[in-house]
Amino acid sequence: MQVIKIDSLSGLSSAADHFLKLTRGYRKFAFTGELGSGKTTFIHALCRQLGVKNTVTSPTFALVNEYYTVNGETVYHFDFYRIKNIEEVYDIGYEEYFYSDAWCFIEWAEKVEEILSDEFLRVQIEVSNDLRLVNFR
């Protein structure tokens, strides 16, 4: 397991850059962490590092947002916090997103673990004394 420590918002951009370098070869990420731990904020920073030109917001009610990078790559950002059952994920046609070549960032991945392939790098964000710890394997 690798860990990236983020001790302030000013360190977020460099932490996201470091994360992307360490995880080179992955394009699918499954994030877990308590409410308010910084999943959306970290994904926002990752999108900025990837060159996303859209406004990055949490897709809490839409379930998925689609963004585009300056290089024309597609980025899907999911938030499964509000789903009540896995059928809701089937209804949005998750296979089209998960099995594409696009970047995928999933918040609340523990709610859909049963349908995540090994292509997804598991990432846990923890808070300890105002320090964010990004653990991944």
Protein backbone atom coordinates (compact mmCIF):
# COMPACT_ATOMS: atom_id res chain seq x y z
CA MET A 1 0.00 0.00 0.00
CA GLN A 2 1.25 3.46 -0.87
CA VAL A 3 0.34 6.63 1.01
CA ILE A 4 0.31 10.28 -0.02
CA LYS A 5 -0.04 12.84 2.76
CA ILE A 6 -1.86 16.12 2.15
CA ASP A 7 -1.49 18.63 4.96
CA SER A 8 -3.13 21.67 3.33
CA LEU A 9 -5.15 22.79 0.34
CA SER A 10 -2.00 24.38 -1.06
CA GLY A 11 -0.43 20.92 -1.29
CA LEU A 12 -3.39 19.40 -3.13
CA SER A 13 -2.18 20.09 -6.66
CA SER A 14 1.25 18.56 -6.09
CA ALA A 15 -0.32 15.58 -4.29
CA ALA A 16 -2.64 14.97 -7.27
CA ASP A 17 0.30 15.23 -9.68
CA HIS A 18 2.34 12.80 -7.56
CA PHE A 19 -0.63 10.39 -7.35
CA LEU A 20 -1.05 10.35 -11.14
CA LYS A 21 2.67 9.68 -11.61
CA LEU A 22 2.63 6.82 -9.09
CA THR A 23 -0.48 5.27 -10.65
CA ARG A 24 0.63 5.63 -14.27
CA GLY A 25 -1.08 2.95 -16.32
CA TYR A 26 -4.34 3.13 -14.35
CA ARG A 27 -7.35 5.05 -15.62
CA LYS A 28 -9.99 3.64 -13.26
CA PHE A 29 -10.10 4.66 -9.59
CA ALA A 30 -12.51 3.58 -6.84
CA PHE A 31 -12.51 6.02 -3.90
CA THR A 32 -13.73 5.33 -0.38
CA GLY A 33 -13.65 7.50 2.71
CA GLU A 34 -15.89 9.08 5.28
CA LEU A 35 -18.25 11.90 4.37
CA GLY A 36 -16.18 15.08 4.22
CA SER A 37 -12.84 13.29 3.93
CA GLY A 38 -12.00 15.02 0.65
CA LYS A 39 -12.90 12.56 -2.10
CA THR A 40 -14.54 15.18 -4.33
CA THR A 41 -11.81 17.72 -3.64
CA PHE A 42 -9.07 15.24 -4.53
CA ILE A 43 -10.88 14.14 -7.70
CA HIS A 44 -11.25 17.82 -8.64
CA ALA A 45 -7.46 18.22 -8.27
CA LEU A 46 -6.85 15.06 -10.34
CA CYS A 47 -9.10 16.40 -13.10
CA ARG A 48 -7.20 19.68 -13.13
CA GLN A 49 -3.91 17.78 -13.43
CA LEU A 50 -5.37 15.83 -16.37
CA GLY A 51 -6.32 19.09 -18.08
CA VAL A 52 -10.09 18.91 -17.69
CA LYS A 53 -11.54 22.07 -19.18
CA ASN A 54 -15.06 21.73 -17.69
CA THR A 55 -16.16 22.81 -14.24
CA VAL A 56 -15.72 19.79 -11.95
CA THR A 57 -18.59 19.31 -9.52
CA SER A 58 -19.90 16.42 -7.48
CA PRO A 59 -22.42 14.33 -9.41
CA THR A 60 -24.34 13.48 -6.23
CA PHE A 61 -27.79 13.71 -7.83
CA ALA A 62 -26.89 12.96 -11.45
CA LEU A 63 -24.73 9.95 -10.42
CA VAL A 64 -22.24 10.67 -13.22
CA ASN A 65 -20.65 13.77 -14.74
CA GLU A 66 -18.76 13.68 -18.01
CA TYR A 67 -15.77 15.97 -18.54
CA TYR A 68 -13.30 16.49 -21.36
CA THR A 69 -9.60 17.25 -21.20
CA VAL A 70 -7.82 19.73 -23.43
CA ASN A 71 -6.44 16.67 -25.30
CA GLY A 72 -9.96 15.39 -26.03
CA GLU A 73 -9.93 12.57 -23.46
CA THR A 74 -13.15 11.73 -21.62
CA VAL A 75 -13.33 11.65 -17.83
CA TYR A 76 -16.29 10.12 -15.96
CA HIS A 77 -16.89 11.15 -12.36
CA PHE A 78 -19.36 9.07 -10.35
CA ASP A 79 -20.86 9.68 -6.93
CA PHE A 80 -22.83 6.73 -5.56
CA TYR A 81 -23.52 8.19 -2.11
CA ARG A 82 -27.29 8.40 -2.68
CA ILE A 83 -27.93 5.10 -4.45
CA LYS A 84 -30.30 2.81 -2.65
CA ASN A 85 -29.48 -0.38 -4.56
CA ILE A 86 -27.18 -1.69 -7.27
CA GLU A 87 -30.02 -1.71 -9.81
CA GLU A 88 -29.72 2.09 -10.02
CA VAL A 89 -26.19 1.64 -11.32
CA TYR A 90 -27.36 -0.97 -13.83
CA ASP A 91 -30.04 1.49 -14.97
CA ILE A 92 -27.48 4.15 -15.94
CA GLY A 93 -25.67 1.59 -18.10
CA TYR A 94 -22.51 1.48 -16.01
CA GLU A 95 -20.82 -1.01 -18.39
CA GLU A 96 -20.57 1.66 -21.09
CA TYR A 97 -18.60 3.85 -18.68
CA PHE A 98 -16.61 1.29 -16.67
CA TYR A 99 -15.42 -0.68 -19.70
CA SER A 100 -14.55 2.30 -21.88
CA ASP A 101 -11.04 3.67 -22.36
CA ALA A 102 -12.06 6.83 -20.50
CA TRP A 103 -10.79 7.92 -17.11
CA CYS A 104 -13.21 6.87 -14.32
CA PHE A 105 -13.29 8.28 -10.81
CA ILE A 106 -15.86 6.74 -8.46
CA GLU A 107 -16.84 8.18 -5.08
CA TRP A 108 -18.46 5.84 -2.54
CA ALA A 109 -17.09 2.84 -4.42
CA GLU A 110 -17.89 0.52 -1.52
CA LYS A 111 -21.54 0.73 -2.60
CA VAL A 112 -20.73 -0.85 -5.97
CA GLU A 113 -17.77 -3.06 -5.08
CA GLU A 114 -19.52 -6.14 -6.45
CA ILE A 115 -19.39 -4.76 -10.01
CA LEU A 116 -15.90 -3.25 -9.96
CA SER A 117 -13.29 -5.05 -12.02
CA ASP A 118 -9.63 -5.42 -11.15
CA GLU A 119 -8.95 -2.51 -13.51
CA PHE A 120 -10.06 -0.19 -10.70
CA LEU A 121 -7.34 0.93 -8.33
CA ARG A 122 -8.78 1.06 -4.82
CA VAL A 123 -8.11 4.40 -3.09
CA GLN A 124 -9.02 5.22 0.50
CA ILE A 125 -8.92 8.74 1.88
CA GLU A 126 -8.58 9.09 5.64
CA VAL A 127 -8.47 12.12 7.90
CA SER A 128 -6.08 12.20 10.84
CA ASN A 129 -5.47 15.43 12.77
CA ASP A 130 -6.36 17.63 9.76
CA LEU A 131 -4.03 15.55 7.58
CA ARG A 132 -5.51 13.77 4.57
CA LEU A 133 -3.99 10.38 3.85
CA VAL A 134 -4.54 8.95 0.39
CA ASN A 135 -3.93 5.20 0.58
CA PHE A 136 -3.98 3.07 -2.54
CA ARG A 137 -3.17 -0.43 -3.67
